[in-house]
């Protein structure tokens, strides 16, 4: 599990959007 957008960080394209839960992806 790769968390590339941790809780509390802004979306890379939409800086007004703040992640309220850890978000990521499954590697490979």
ModelCIF file with pLDDT and N, C-alpha, C, O atoms, coordinates in Angstrom:
data_MODEL
#
_entry.id   MODEL 
#
_entity.id                         1 
_entity.type                       polymer 
_entity.pdbx_number_of_molecules   1 
#
_entity_poly.entity_id                      1 
_entity_poly.type                           'polypeptide(L)' 
_entity_poly.nstd_linkage                   no 
_entity_poly.nstd_monomer                   no 
_entity_poly.pdbx_seq_one_letter_code       
;(UNK)(UNK)(UNK)(UNK)(UNK)(UNK)(UNK)(UNK)(UNK)(UNK)(UNK)(UNK)(UNK)(UNK)(UNK)(UNK)
(UNK)(UNK)(UNK)(UNK)(UNK)(UNK)(UNK)(UNK)(UNK)(UNK)(UNK)(UNK)
;
_entity_poly.pdbx_seq_one_letter_code_can   XXXXXXXXXXXXXXXXXXXXXXXXXXXX 
_entity_poly.pdbx_strand_id                 A 
#
loop_
_entity_poly_seq.entity_id 
_entity_poly_seq.num 
_entity_poly_seq.mon_id 
_entity_poly_seq.hetero 
1 1  UNK n 
1 2  UNK n 
1 3  UNK n 
1 4  UNK n 
1 5  UNK n 
1 6  UNK n 
1 7  UNK n 
1 8  UNK n 
1 9  UNK n 
1 10 UNK n 
1 11 UNK n 
1 12 UNK n 
1 13 UNK n 
1 14 UNK n 
1 15 UNK n 
1 16 UNK n 
1 17 UNK n 
1 18 UNK n 
1 19 UNK n 
1 20 UNK n 
1 21 UNK n 
1 22 UNK n 
1 23 UNK n 
1 24 UNK n 
1 25 UNK n 
1 26 UNK n 
1 27 UNK n 
1 28 UNK n 
#
_struct_asym.id          A 
_struct_asym.entity_id   1 
#
loop_
_ma_qa_metric.id 
_ma_qa_metric.mode 
_ma_qa_metric.name 
_ma_qa_metric.software_group_id 
_ma_qa_metric.type 
1 global pLDDT . pLDDT 
2 local  pLDDT . pLDDT 
#
_ma_qa_metric_global.metric_id      1 
_ma_qa_metric_global.metric_value   95.79 
_ma_qa_metric_global.model_id       1 
_ma_qa_metric_global.ordinal_id     1 
#
loop_
_ma_qa_metric_local.label_asym_id 
_ma_qa_metric_local.label_comp_id 
_ma_qa_metric_local.label_seq_id 
_ma_qa_metric_local.metric_id 
_ma_qa_metric_local.metric_value 
_ma_qa_metric_local.model_id 
_ma_qa_metric_local.ordinal_id 
A UNK 1  2 97.00 1 1  
A UNK 2  2 98.00 1 2  
A UNK 3  2 98.00 1 3  
A UNK 4  2 96.00 1 4  
A UNK 5  2 97.00 1 5  
A UNK 6  2 98.00 1 6  
A UNK 7  2 98.00 1 7  
A UNK 8  2 97.00 1 8  
A UNK 9  2 97.00 1 9  
A UNK 10 2 97.00 1 10 
A UNK 11 2 93.00 1 11 
A UNK 12 2 92.00 1 12 
A UNK 13 2 89.00 1 13 
A UNK 14 2 88.00 1 14 
A UNK 15 2 93.00 1 15 
A UNK 16 2 92.00 1 16 
A UNK 17 2 92.00 1 17 
A UNK 18 2 95.00 1 18 
A UNK 19 2 97.00 1 19 
A UNK 20 2 97.00 1 20 
A UNK 21 2 98.00 1 21 
A UNK 22 2 98.00 1 22 
A UNK 23 2 98.00 1 23 
A UNK 24 2 98.00 1 24 
A UNK 25 2 98.00 1 25 
A UNK 26 2 98.00 1 26 
A UNK 27 2 97.00 1 27 
A UNK 28 2 96.00 1 28 
#
loop_
_atom_site.group_PDB 
_atom_site.id 
_atom_site.type_symbol 
_atom_site.label_atom_id 
_atom_site.label_alt_id 
_atom_site.label_comp_id 
_atom_site.label_asym_id 
_atom_site.label_entity_id 
_atom_site.label_seq_id 
_atom_site.pdbx_PDB_ins_code 
_atom_site.Cartn_x 
_atom_site.Cartn_y 
_atom_site.Cartn_z 
_atom_site.occupancy 
_atom_site.B_iso_or_equiv 
_atom_site.pdbx_formal_charge 
_atom_site.auth_seq_id 
_atom_site.auth_comp_id 
_atom_site.auth_asym_id 
_atom_site.auth_atom_id 
_atom_site.pdbx_PDB_model_num 
ATOM 1   N N  . UNK A 1 1  ? 0.855  -1.181 0.000   1.00 97.00 ? 1  UNK A N  1 
ATOM 2   C CA . UNK A 1 1  ? 0.000  0.000  0.000   1.00 97.00 ? 1  UNK A CA 1 
ATOM 3   C C  . UNK A 1 1  ? 0.892  1.232  0.000   1.00 97.00 ? 1  UNK A C  1 
ATOM 4   O O  . UNK A 1 1  ? 1.726  1.409  0.888   1.00 97.00 ? 1  UNK A O  1 
ATOM 5   N N  . UNK A 1 2  ? 0.709  2.079  -1.003  1.00 98.00 ? 2  UNK A N  1 
ATOM 6   C CA . UNK A 1 2  ? 1.452  3.329  -1.104  1.00 98.00 ? 2  UNK A CA 1 
ATOM 7   C C  . UNK A 1 2  ? 0.476  4.468  -0.793  1.00 98.00 ? 2  UNK A C  1 
ATOM 8   O O  . UNK A 1 2  ? -0.511 4.654  -1.505  1.00 98.00 ? 2  UNK A O  1 
ATOM 9   N N  . UNK A 1 3  ? 0.751  5.217  0.256   1.00 98.00 ? 3  UNK A N  1 
ATOM 10  C CA . UNK A 1 3  ? -0.067 6.388  0.588   1.00 98.00 ? 3  UNK A CA 1 
ATOM 11  C C  . UNK A 1 3  ? 0.649  7.600  0.011   1.00 98.00 ? 3  UNK A C  1 
ATOM 12  O O  . UNK A 1 3  ? 1.604  8.112  0.595   1.00 98.00 ? 3  UNK A O  1 
ATOM 13  N N  . UNK A 1 4  ? 0.172  8.051  -1.150  1.00 96.00 ? 4  UNK A N  1 
ATOM 14  C CA . UNK A 1 4  ? 0.796  9.210  -1.782  1.00 96.00 ? 4  UNK A CA 1 
ATOM 15  C C  . UNK A 1 4  ? 0.049  10.515 -1.512  1.00 96.00 ? 4  UNK A C  1 
ATOM 16  O O  . UNK A 1 4  ? 0.500  11.594 -1.894  1.00 96.00 ? 4  UNK A O  1 
ATOM 17  N N  . UNK A 1 5  ? -1.093 10.398 -0.853  1.00 97.00 ? 5  UNK A N  1 
ATOM 18  C CA . UNK A 1 5  ? -1.867 11.584 -0.472  1.00 97.00 ? 5  UNK A CA 1 
ATOM 19  C C  . UNK A 1 5  ? -2.358 11.419 0.969   1.00 97.00 ? 5  UNK A C  1 
ATOM 20  O O  . UNK A 1 5  ? -3.513 11.068 1.208   1.00 97.00 ? 5  UNK A O  1 
ATOM 21  N N  . UNK A 1 6  ? -1.458 11.679 1.923   1.00 98.00 ? 6  UNK A N  1 
ATOM 22  C CA . UNK A 1 6  ? -1.817 11.489 3.333   1.00 98.00 ? 6  UNK A CA 1 
ATOM 23  C C  . UNK A 1 6  ? -2.924 12.438 3.799   1.00 98.00 ? 6  UNK A C  1 
ATOM 24  O O  . UNK A 1 6  ? -3.123 13.521 3.249   1.00 98.00 ? 6  UNK A O  1 
ATOM 25  N N  . UNK A 1 7  ? -3.619 11.995 4.813   1.00 98.00 ? 7  UNK A N  1 
ATOM 26  C CA . UNK A 1 7  ? -4.646 12.806 5.464   1.00 98.00 ? 7  UNK A CA 1 
ATOM 27  C C  . UNK A 1 7  ? -4.050 14.172 5.794   1.00 98.00 ? 7  UNK A C  1 
ATOM 28  O O  . UNK A 1 7  ? -2.953 14.262 6.345   1.00 98.00 ? 7  UNK A O  1 
ATOM 29  N N  . UNK A 1 8  ? -4.786 15.240 5.448   1.00 97.00 ? 8  UNK A N  1 
ATOM 30  C CA . UNK A 1 8  ? -4.328 16.595 5.754   1.00 97.00 ? 8  UNK A CA 1 
ATOM 31  C C  . UNK A 1 8  ? -3.586 17.288 4.620   1.00 97.00 ? 8  UNK A C  1 
ATOM 32  O O  . UNK A 1 8  ? -3.286 18.478 4.711   1.00 97.00 ? 8  UNK A O  1 
ATOM 33  N N  . UNK A 1 9  ? -3.285 16.543 3.539   1.00 97.00 ? 9  UNK A N  1 
ATOM 34  C CA . UNK A 1 9  ? -2.572 17.159 2.417   1.00 97.00 ? 9  UNK A CA 1 
ATOM 35  C C  . UNK A 1 9  ? -3.561 17.583 1.327   1.00 97.00 ? 9  UNK A C  1 
ATOM 36  O O  . UNK A 1 9  ? -4.698 17.115 1.270   1.00 97.00 ? 9  UNK A O  1 
ATOM 37  N N  . UNK A 1 10 ? -3.083 18.487 0.464   1.00 97.00 ? 10 UNK A N  1 
ATOM 38  C CA . UNK A 1 10 ? -3.919 19.004 -0.622  1.00 97.00 ? 10 UNK A CA 1 
ATOM 39  C C  . UNK A 1 10 ? -3.794 18.128 -1.867  1.00 97.00 ? 10 UNK A C  1 
ATOM 40  O O  . UNK A 1 10 ? -2.758 17.505 -2.098  1.00 97.00 ? 10 UNK A O  1 
ATOM 41  N N  . UNK A 1 11 ? -4.839 18.091 -2.648  1.00 93.00 ? 11 UNK A N  1 
ATOM 42  C CA . UNK A 1 11 ? -4.834 17.404 -3.940  1.00 93.00 ? 11 UNK A CA 1 
ATOM 43  C C  . UNK A 1 11 ? -3.858 18.120 -4.864  1.00 93.00 ? 11 UNK A C  1 
ATOM 44  O O  . UNK A 1 11 ? -3.817 19.350 -4.870  1.00 93.00 ? 11 UNK A O  1 
ATOM 45  N N  . UNK A 1 12 ? -3.068 17.380 -5.649  1.00 92.00 ? 12 UNK A N  1 
ATOM 46  C CA . UNK A 1 12 ? -2.067 18.030 -6.503  1.00 92.00 ? 12 UNK A CA 1 
ATOM 47  C C  . UNK A 1 12 ? -2.650 18.960 -7.577  1.00 92.00 ? 12 UNK A C  1 
ATOM 48  O O  . UNK A 1 12 ? -2.005 19.944 -7.939  1.00 92.00 ? 12 UNK A O  1 
ATOM 49  N N  . UNK A 1 13 ? -3.849 18.672 -8.093  1.00 89.00 ? 13 UNK A N  1 
ATOM 50  C CA . UNK A 1 13 ? -4.457 19.524 -9.123  1.00 89.00 ? 13 UNK A CA 1 
ATOM 51  C C  . UNK A 1 13 ? -5.483 20.511 -8.564  1.00 89.00 ? 13 UNK A C  1 
ATOM 52  O O  . UNK A 1 13 ? -5.757 21.545 -9.172  1.00 89.00 ? 13 UNK A O  1 
ATOM 53  N N  . UNK A 1 14 ? -6.042 20.184 -7.410  1.00 88.00 ? 14 UNK A N  1 
ATOM 54  C CA . UNK A 1 14 ? -7.092 21.007 -6.805  1.00 88.00 ? 14 UNK A CA 1 
ATOM 55  C C  . UNK A 1 14 ? -6.680 21.365 -5.381  1.00 88.00 ? 14 UNK A C  1 
ATOM 56  O O  . UNK A 1 14 ? -7.094 20.695 -4.435  1.00 88.00 ? 14 UNK A O  1 
ATOM 57  N N  . UNK A 1 15 ? -5.869 22.414 -5.214  1.00 93.00 ? 15 UNK A N  1 
ATOM 58  C CA . UNK A 1 15 ? -5.288 22.715 -3.893  1.00 93.00 ? 15 UNK A CA 1 
ATOM 59  C C  . UNK A 1 15 ? -6.306 23.043 -2.805  1.00 93.00 ? 15 UNK A C  1 
ATOM 60  O O  . UNK A 1 15 ? -5.972 22.990 -1.622  1.00 93.00 ? 15 UNK A O  1 
ATOM 61  N N  . UNK A 1 16 ? -7.526 23.376 -3.174  1.00 92.00 ? 16 UNK A N  1 
ATOM 62  C CA . UNK A 1 16 ? -8.560 23.637 -2.165  1.00 92.00 ? 16 UNK A CA 1 
ATOM 63  C C  . UNK A 1 16 ? -9.106 22.350 -1.555  1.00 92.00 ? 16 UNK A C  1 
ATOM 64  O O  . UNK A 1 16 ? -9.750 22.378 -0.506  1.00 92.00 ? 16 UNK A O  1 
ATOM 65  N N  . UNK A 1 17 ? -8.847 21.223 -2.215  1.00 92.00 ? 17 UNK A N  1 
ATOM 66  C CA . UNK A 1 17 ? -9.321 19.931 -1.707  1.00 92.00 ? 17 UNK A CA 1 
ATOM 67  C C  . UNK A 1 17 ? -8.268 19.335 -0.780  1.00 92.00 ? 17 UNK A C  1 
ATOM 68  O O  . UNK A 1 17 ? -7.142 19.067 -1.201  1.00 92.00 ? 17 UNK A O  1 
ATOM 69  N N  . UNK A 1 18 ? -8.633 19.129 0.471   1.00 95.00 ? 18 UNK A N  1 
ATOM 70  C CA . UNK A 1 18 ? -7.741 18.536 1.477   1.00 95.00 ? 18 UNK A CA 1 
ATOM 71  C C  . UNK A 1 18 ? -8.235 17.127 1.801   1.00 95.00 ? 18 UNK A C  1 
ATOM 72  O O  . UNK A 1 18 ? -9.408 16.927 2.116   1.00 95.00 ? 18 UNK A O  1 
ATOM 73  N N  . UNK A 1 19 ? -7.339 16.170 1.721   1.00 97.00 ? 19 UNK A N  1 
ATOM 74  C CA . UNK A 1 19 ? -7.686 14.787 2.048   1.00 97.00 ? 19 UNK A CA 1 
ATOM 75  C C  . UNK A 1 19 ? -7.969 14.656 3.534   1.00 97.00 ? 19 UNK A C  1 
ATOM 76  O O  . UNK A 1 19 ? -7.177 15.098 4.366   1.00 97.00 ? 19 UNK A O  1 
ATOM 77  N N  . UNK A 1 20 ? -9.100 14.048 3.866   1.00 97.00 ? 20 UNK A N  1 
ATOM 78  C CA . UNK A 1 20 ? -9.490 13.857 5.269   1.00 97.00 ? 20 UNK A CA 1 
ATOM 79  C C  . UNK A 1 20 ? -9.278 12.419 5.734   1.00 97.00 ? 20 UNK A C  1 
ATOM 80  O O  . UNK A 1 20 ? -9.472 12.098 6.907   1.00 97.00 ? 20 UNK A O  1 
ATOM 81  N N  . UNK A 1 21 ? -8.878 11.562 4.798   1.00 98.00 ? 21 UNK A N  1 
ATOM 82  C CA . UNK A 1 21 ? -8.532 10.163 5.072   1.00 98.00 ? 21 UNK A CA 1 
ATOM 83  C C  . UNK A 1 21 ? -7.340 9.852  4.172   1.00 98.00 ? 21 UNK A C  1 
ATOM 84  O O  . UNK A 1 21 ? -7.274 10.352 3.049   1.00 98.00 ? 21 UNK A O  1 
ATOM 85  N N  . UNK A 1 22 ? -6.397 9.033  4.644   1.00 98.00 ? 22 UNK A N  1 
ATOM 86  C CA . UNK A 1 22 ? -5.249 8.653  3.819   1.00 98.00 ? 22 UNK A CA 1 
ATOM 87  C C  . UNK A 1 22 ? -5.725 8.027  2.509   1.00 98.00 ? 22 UNK A C  1 
ATOM 88  O O  . UNK A 1 22 ? -6.647 7.212  2.488   1.00 98.00 ? 22 UNK A O  1 
ATOM 89  N N  . UNK A 1 23 ? -5.066 8.433  1.406   1.00 98.00 ? 23 UNK A N  1 
ATOM 90  C CA . UNK A 1 23 ? -5.449 7.964  0.078   1.00 98.00 ? 23 UNK A CA 1 
ATOM 91  C C  . UNK A 1 23 ? -4.203 7.522  -0.671  1.00 98.00 ? 23 UNK A C  1 
ATOM 92  O O  . UNK A 1 23 ? -3.163 8.177  -0.609  1.00 98.00 ? 23 UNK A O  1 
ATOM 93  N N  . UNK A 1 24 ? -4.317 6.419  -1.371  1.00 98.00 ? 24 UNK A N  1 
ATOM 94  C CA . UNK A 1 24 ? -3.169 5.932  -2.115  1.00 98.00 ? 24 UNK A CA 1 
ATOM 95  C C  . UNK A 1 24 ? -3.575 4.864  -3.105  1.00 98.00 ? 24 UNK A C  1 
ATOM 96  O O  . UNK A 1 24 ? -4.665 4.896  -3.675  1.00 98.00 ? 24 UNK A O  1 
ATOM 97  N N  . UNK A 1 25 ? -2.664 3.911  -3.297  1.00 98.00 ? 25 UNK A N  1 
ATOM 98  C CA . UNK A 1 25 ? -2.913 2.867  -4.288  1.00 98.00 ? 25 UNK A CA 1 
ATOM 99  C C  . UNK A 1 25 ? -2.148 1.602  -3.917  1.00 98.00 ? 25 UNK A C  1 
ATOM 100 O O  . UNK A 1 25 ? -1.266 1.617  -3.058  1.00 98.00 ? 25 UNK A O  1 
ATOM 101 N N  . UNK A 1 26 ? -2.504 0.515  -4.579  1.00 98.00 ? 26 UNK A N  1 
ATOM 102 C CA . UNK A 1 26 ? -1.797 -0.749 -4.406  1.00 98.00 ? 26 UNK A CA 1 
ATOM 103 C C  . UNK A 1 26 ? -0.703 -0.821 -5.466  1.00 98.00 ? 26 UNK A C  1 
ATOM 104 O O  . UNK A 1 26 ? -0.983 -0.782 -6.664  1.00 98.00 ? 26 UNK A O  1 
ATOM 105 N N  . UNK A 1 27 ? 0.528  -0.925 -5.022  1.00 97.00 ? 27 UNK A N  1 
ATOM 106 C CA . UNK A 1 27 ? 1.666  -0.973 -5.931  1.00 97.00 ? 27 UNK A CA 1 
ATOM 107 C C  . UNK A 1 27 ? 1.572  -2.212 -6.833  1.00 97.00 ? 27 UNK A C  1 
ATOM 108 O O  . UNK A 1 27 ? 1.136  -3.280 -6.403  1.00 97.00 ? 27 UNK A O  1 
ATOM 109 N N  . UNK A 1 28 ? 1.989  -2.042 -8.085  1.00 96.00 ? 28 UNK A N  1 
ATOM 110 C CA . UNK A 1 28 ? 2.010  -3.121 -9.081  1.00 96.00 ? 28 UNK A CA 1 
ATOM 111 C C  . UNK A 1 28 ? 0.629  -3.707 -9.372  1.00 96.00 ? 28 UNK A C  1 
ATOM 112 O O  . UNK A 1 28 ? 0.505  -4.619 -10.189 1.00 96.00 ? 28 UNK A O  1 
#
